[in-house]
Amino acid sequence: MTVQSIKTTDEKDSVAEGTNQMVVKKIDGTKFFVSWIEKDGTTVSQIIDLEKKTVEAFLTFDDAKGKRIAQTLEGTFEVDK
């Protein structure tokens, strides 16, 4: 496991930051599978493609009624140096 700080910005410039323990597995030379559990119980699993700079994510979380639901997201990223 790896402890990592993550900062995300959505299309409305809303920023979310957090530090979580992650599992990282190399798929091939440019792709990685990354997974973690947020403090609120949300699970996040991603495939990150460093060559294409894309991310595909699968989330599961409880809705307002406590029912577990799933969501998929796709996006691009850039690395801050």
C-alpha atoms as a PDB file:
ATOM      1  CA  MET A   1       0.000   0.000   0.000  1.00  0.00           C
ATOM      2  CA  THR A   2       1.010   3.556  -0.687  1.00  0.00           C
ATOM      3  CA  VAL A   3      -0.088   6.719   1.100  1.00  0.00           C
ATOM      4  CA  GLN A   4      -0.746   9.460  -1.414  1.00  0.00           C
ATOM      5  CA  SER A   5      -2.179  12.973  -1.438  1.00  0.00           C
ATOM      6  CA  ILE A   6      -4.551  13.665  -4.317  1.00  0.00           C
ATOM      7  CA  LYS A   7      -5.993  16.916  -5.593  1.00  0.00           C
ATOM      8  CA  THR A   8      -8.771  16.907  -8.183  1.00  0.00           C
ATOM      9  CA  THR A   9     -10.493  19.762  -9.996  1.00  0.00           C
ATOM     10  CA  ASP A  10     -13.781  19.276 -11.842  1.00  0.00           C
ATOM     11  CA  GLU A  11     -15.159  21.192 -14.837  1.00  0.00           C
ATOM     12  CA  LYS A  12     -16.635  23.828 -12.468  1.00  0.00           C
ATOM     13  CA  ASP A  13     -13.191  24.366 -10.858  1.00  0.00           C
ATOM     14  CA  SER A  14     -14.346  22.705  -7.633  1.00  0.00           C
ATOM     15  CA  VAL A  15     -11.270  21.295  -5.859  1.00  0.00           C
ATOM     16  CA  ALA A  16     -11.149  18.217  -3.639  1.00  0.00           C
ATOM     17  CA  GLU A  17      -8.038  17.089  -1.749  1.00  0.00           C
ATOM     18  CA  GLY A  18      -7.323  14.111   0.450  1.00  0.00           C
ATOM     19  CA  THR A  19      -4.747  11.639   1.704  1.00  0.00           C
ATOM     20  CA  ASN A  20      -5.545   7.924   1.472  1.00  0.00           C
ATOM     21  CA  GLN A  21      -3.868   4.532   1.487  1.00  0.00           C
ATOM     22  CA  MET A  22      -3.848   3.218  -2.075  1.00  0.00           C
ATOM     23  CA  VAL A  23      -3.209  -0.040  -3.826  1.00  0.00           C
ATOM     24  CA  VAL A  24      -1.270   0.480  -7.059  1.00  0.00           C
ATOM     25  CA  LYS A  25      -0.712  -2.244  -9.671  1.00  0.00           C
ATOM     26  CA  LYS A  26       1.132  -1.773 -12.949  1.00  0.00           C
ATOM     27  CA  ILE A  27      -0.909  -3.091 -15.901  1.00  0.00           C
ATOM     28  CA  ASP A  28       1.678  -2.394 -18.605  1.00  0.00           C
ATOM     29  CA  GLY A  29       4.305   0.218 -19.469  1.00  0.00           C
ATOM     30  CA  THR A  30       1.905   3.189 -19.338  1.00  0.00           C
ATOM     31  CA  LYS A  31      -1.201   1.959 -17.471  1.00  0.00           C
ATOM     32  CA  PHE A  32      -1.801   1.561 -13.745  1.00  0.00           C
ATOM     33  CA  PHE A  33      -4.705   0.297 -11.643  1.00  0.00           C
ATOM     34  CA  VAL A  34      -5.166   2.427  -8.494  1.00  0.00           C
ATOM     35  CA  SER A  35      -7.726   1.777  -5.769  1.00  0.00           C
ATOM     36  CA  TRP A  36      -8.576   3.229  -2.349  1.00  0.00           C
ATOM     37  CA  ILE A  37     -11.383   3.693   0.184  1.00  0.00           C
ATOM     38  CA  GLU A  38     -12.339   7.223   1.207  1.00  0.00           C
ATOM     39  CA  LYS A  39     -13.091   8.156   4.842  1.00  0.00           C
ATOM     40  CA  ASP A  40     -16.842   8.263   4.046  1.00  0.00           C
ATOM     41  CA  GLY A  41     -16.781   4.672   2.715  1.00  0.00           C
ATOM     42  CA  THR A  42     -16.677   5.579  -0.985  1.00  0.00           C
ATOM     43  CA  THR A  43     -14.541   3.107  -2.925  1.00  0.00           C
ATOM     44  CA  VAL A  44     -12.575   4.376  -5.906  1.00  0.00           C
ATOM     45  CA  SER A  45     -10.888   2.216  -8.551  1.00  0.00           C
ATOM     46  CA  GLN A  46      -9.092   3.813 -11.483  1.00  0.00           C
ATOM     47  CA  ILE A  47      -7.176   2.902 -14.573  1.00  0.00           C
ATOM     48  CA  ILE A  48      -4.653   5.642 -15.274  1.00  0.00           C
ATOM     49  CA  ASP A  49      -2.999   5.838 -18.697  1.00  0.00           C
ATOM     50  CA  LEU A  50       0.159   7.951 -18.463  1.00  0.00           C
ATOM     51  CA  GLU A  51       0.691   8.003 -22.234  1.00  0.00           C
ATOM     52  CA  LYS A  52      -2.806   9.226 -23.138  1.00  0.00           C
ATOM     53  CA  LYS A  53      -3.181  11.186 -19.853  1.00  0.00           C
ATOM     54  CA  THR A  54      -6.615   9.674 -19.257  1.00  0.00           C
ATOM     55  CA  VAL A  55      -8.351   8.237 -16.199  1.00  0.00           C
ATOM     56  CA  GLU A  56     -11.307   5.843 -16.065  1.00  0.00           C
ATOM     57  CA  ALA A  57     -12.815   5.559 -12.590  1.00  0.00           C
ATOM     58  CA  PHE A  58     -15.403   3.311 -10.947  1.00  0.00           C
ATOM     59  CA  LEU A  59     -16.916   4.467  -7.642  1.00  0.00           C
ATOM     60  CA  THR A  60     -19.322   2.884  -5.170  1.00  0.00           C
ATOM     61  CA  PHE A  61     -20.971   4.873  -2.387  1.00  0.00           C
ATOM     62  CA  ASP A  62     -24.138   5.166  -0.305  1.00  0.00           C
ATOM     63  CA  ASP A  63     -26.864   7.435  -1.657  1.00  0.00           C
ATOM     64  CA  ALA A  64     -29.026   9.673   0.573  1.00  0.00           C
ATOM     65  CA  LYS A  65     -31.220   6.666   1.487  1.00  0.00           C
ATOM     66  CA  GLY A  66     -28.250   4.448   2.393  1.00  0.00           C
ATOM     67  CA  LYS A  67     -28.465   2.312  -0.758  1.00  0.00           C
ATOM     68  CA  ARG A  68     -25.104   1.343  -2.276  1.00  0.00           C
ATOM     69  CA  ILE A  69     -24.810   2.651  -5.837  1.00  0.00           C
ATOM     70  CA  ALA A  70     -22.104   2.736  -8.514  1.00  0.00           C
ATOM     71  CA  GLN A  71     -20.860   5.444 -10.845  1.00  0.00           C
ATOM     72  CA  THR A  72     -18.301   5.566 -13.644  1.00  0.00           C
ATOM     73  CA  LEU A  73     -16.286   8.638 -14.593  1.00  0.00           C
ATOM     74  CA  GLU A  74     -13.804   9.434 -17.349  1.00  0.00           C
ATOM     75  CA  GLY A  75     -11.400  12.319 -17.576  1.00  0.00           C
ATOM     76  CA  THR A  76      -7.969  13.623 -18.387  1.00  0.00           C
ATOM     77  CA  PHE A  77      -5.193  14.795 -16.104  1.00  0.00           C
ATOM     78  CA  GLU A  78      -2.047  16.855 -15.971  1.00  0.00           C
ATOM     79  CA  VAL A  79       0.864  16.529 -13.588  1.00  0.00           C
ATOM     80  CA  ASP A  80       1.824  19.499 -11.411  1.00  0.00           C
ATOM     81  CA  LYS A  81       5.562  19.838 -10.981  1.00  0.00           C
END
